[in-house]
Amino acid sequence: MTADLAAGFCGEPSVEAFLRKVEQGIYPGPKREPGSLPKWHRRKLEHTIARRHGLRFEIPNLVEDASELI
């Protein structure tokens, strides 16, 4: 998701506040690809939010390569 969606998802009051917390290491950084806006993965943000609130949250193995789905 883009920074504006990620900020809202995390309950931050603004994109700027969210990006400051990314820089501070509170939230994970985005994936960056040439010609595309930076994007955050929802499950990684969920894990971070759960950890900050003392909740257990396990991230399943995320398949990045579609060939592994065949």
C-alpha atoms as a PDB file:
ATOM      1  CA  MET A   1       0.000   0.000   0.000  1.00  0.00           C
ATOM      2  CA  THR A   2       1.135   3.555  -0.586  1.00  0.00           C
ATOM      3  CA  ALA A   3       2.243   5.859   2.247  1.00  0.00           C
ATOM      4  CA  ASP A   4      -1.170   7.515   2.596  1.00  0.00           C
ATOM      5  CA  LEU A   5      -2.941   4.170   2.962  1.00  0.00           C
ATOM      6  CA  ALA A   6      -0.245   2.797   5.272  1.00  0.00           C
ATOM      7  CA  ALA A   7      -0.488   5.889   7.501  1.00  0.00           C
ATOM      8  CA  GLY A   8      -4.243   5.444   7.841  1.00  0.00           C
ATOM      9  CA  PHE A   9      -3.884   1.694   8.386  1.00  0.00           C
ATOM     10  CA  CYS A  10      -1.458   2.336  11.244  1.00  0.00           C
ATOM     11  CA  GLY A  11      -3.708   5.013  12.754  1.00  0.00           C
ATOM     12  CA  GLU A  12      -1.208   7.797  12.241  1.00  0.00           C
ATOM     13  CA  PRO A  13      -2.595  11.356  12.038  1.00  0.00           C
ATOM     14  CA  SER A  14      -0.734  12.154   8.814  1.00  0.00           C
ATOM     15  CA  VAL A  15       1.543  10.736   6.156  1.00  0.00           C
ATOM     16  CA  GLU A  16       4.341  12.898   7.536  1.00  0.00           C
ATOM     17  CA  ALA A  17       3.918  11.419  11.036  1.00  0.00           C
ATOM     18  CA  PHE A  18       3.961   7.911   9.558  1.00  0.00           C
ATOM     19  CA  LEU A  19       7.095   8.589   7.502  1.00  0.00           C
ATOM     20  CA  ARG A  20       8.878  10.024  10.557  1.00  0.00           C
ATOM     21  CA  LYS A  21       8.163   6.776  12.412  1.00  0.00           C
ATOM     22  CA  VAL A  22       9.443   4.792   9.432  1.00  0.00           C
ATOM     23  CA  GLU A  23      12.685   6.814   9.581  1.00  0.00           C
ATOM     24  CA  GLN A  24      12.900   6.149  13.350  1.00  0.00           C
ATOM     25  CA  GLY A  25      12.504   2.409  12.747  1.00  0.00           C
ATOM     26  CA  ILE A  26       9.121   2.165  14.450  1.00  0.00           C
ATOM     27  CA  TYR A  27       7.474   0.942  11.235  1.00  0.00           C
ATOM     28  CA  PRO A  28       9.221  -1.071   8.517  1.00  0.00           C
ATOM     29  CA  GLY A  29      10.449   0.614   5.395  1.00  0.00           C
ATOM     30  CA  PRO A  30       8.736   0.229   2.038  1.00  0.00           C
ATOM     31  CA  LYS A  31       9.644  -1.876  -0.940  1.00  0.00           C
ATOM     32  CA  ARG A  32      10.998   0.347  -3.691  1.00  0.00           C
ATOM     33  CA  GLU A  33      10.964  -0.445  -7.384  1.00  0.00           C
ATOM     34  CA  PRO A  34      12.104   1.797 -10.226  1.00  0.00           C
ATOM     35  CA  GLY A  35       9.237   3.794 -11.731  1.00  0.00           C
ATOM     36  CA  SER A  36       6.884   3.006  -8.857  1.00  0.00           C
ATOM     37  CA  LEU A  37       5.900   4.683  -5.616  1.00  0.00           C
ATOM     38  CA  PRO A  38       7.256   3.066  -2.421  1.00  0.00           C
ATOM     39  CA  LYS A  39       4.835   0.419  -1.128  1.00  0.00           C
ATOM     40  CA  TRP A  40       4.332  -1.124   2.328  1.00  0.00           C
ATOM     41  CA  HIS A  41       3.217  -4.708   2.882  1.00  0.00           C
ATOM     42  CA  ARG A  42       0.077  -4.980   5.004  1.00  0.00           C
ATOM     43  CA  ARG A  43       1.193  -8.104   6.889  1.00  0.00           C
ATOM     44  CA  LYS A  44       4.491  -6.506   7.901  1.00  0.00           C
ATOM     45  CA  LEU A  45       2.623  -3.491   9.248  1.00  0.00           C
ATOM     46  CA  GLU A  46       0.174  -5.772  11.085  1.00  0.00           C
ATOM     47  CA  HIS A  47       3.099  -7.583  12.695  1.00  0.00           C
ATOM     48  CA  THR A  48       4.682  -4.306  13.794  1.00  0.00           C
ATOM     49  CA  ILE A  49       1.432  -3.001  15.263  1.00  0.00           C
ATOM     50  CA  ALA A  50       0.826  -6.274  17.134  1.00  0.00           C
ATOM     51  CA  ARG A  51       4.375  -6.296  18.513  1.00  0.00           C
ATOM     52  CA  ARG A  52       4.047  -2.686  19.711  1.00  0.00           C
ATOM     53  CA  HIS A  53       0.944  -3.700  21.669  1.00  0.00           C
ATOM     54  CA  GLY A  54       2.485  -6.857  23.124  1.00  0.00           C
ATOM     55  CA  LEU A  55       0.439  -9.220  20.955  1.00  0.00           C
ATOM     56  CA  ARG A  56       1.723 -12.348  19.237  1.00  0.00           C
ATOM     57  CA  PHE A  57       1.456 -12.233  15.481  1.00  0.00           C
ATOM     58  CA  GLU A  58       3.200 -14.671  13.207  1.00  0.00           C
ATOM     59  CA  ILE A  59       3.865 -13.783   9.608  1.00  0.00           C
ATOM     60  CA  PRO A  60       3.408 -16.763   7.318  1.00  0.00           C
ATOM     61  CA  ASN A  61       6.045 -17.344   4.673  1.00  0.00           C
ATOM     62  CA  LEU A  62       5.344 -14.692   2.082  1.00  0.00           C
ATOM     63  CA  VAL A  63       5.913 -15.958  -1.430  1.00  0.00           C
ATOM     64  CA  GLU A  64       7.560 -13.286  -3.557  1.00  0.00           C
ATOM     65  CA  ASP A  65       8.082 -15.511  -6.614  1.00  0.00           C
ATOM     66  CA  ALA A  66       4.926 -16.719  -8.388  1.00  0.00           C
ATOM     67  CA  SER A  67       6.790 -19.796  -9.697  1.00  0.00           C
ATOM     68  CA  GLU A  68       6.739 -21.125  -6.139  1.00  0.00           C
ATOM     69  CA  LEU A  69       2.942 -21.226  -6.288  1.00  0.00           C
ATOM     70  CA  ILE A  70       2.900 -23.781  -9.138  1.00  0.00           C
END
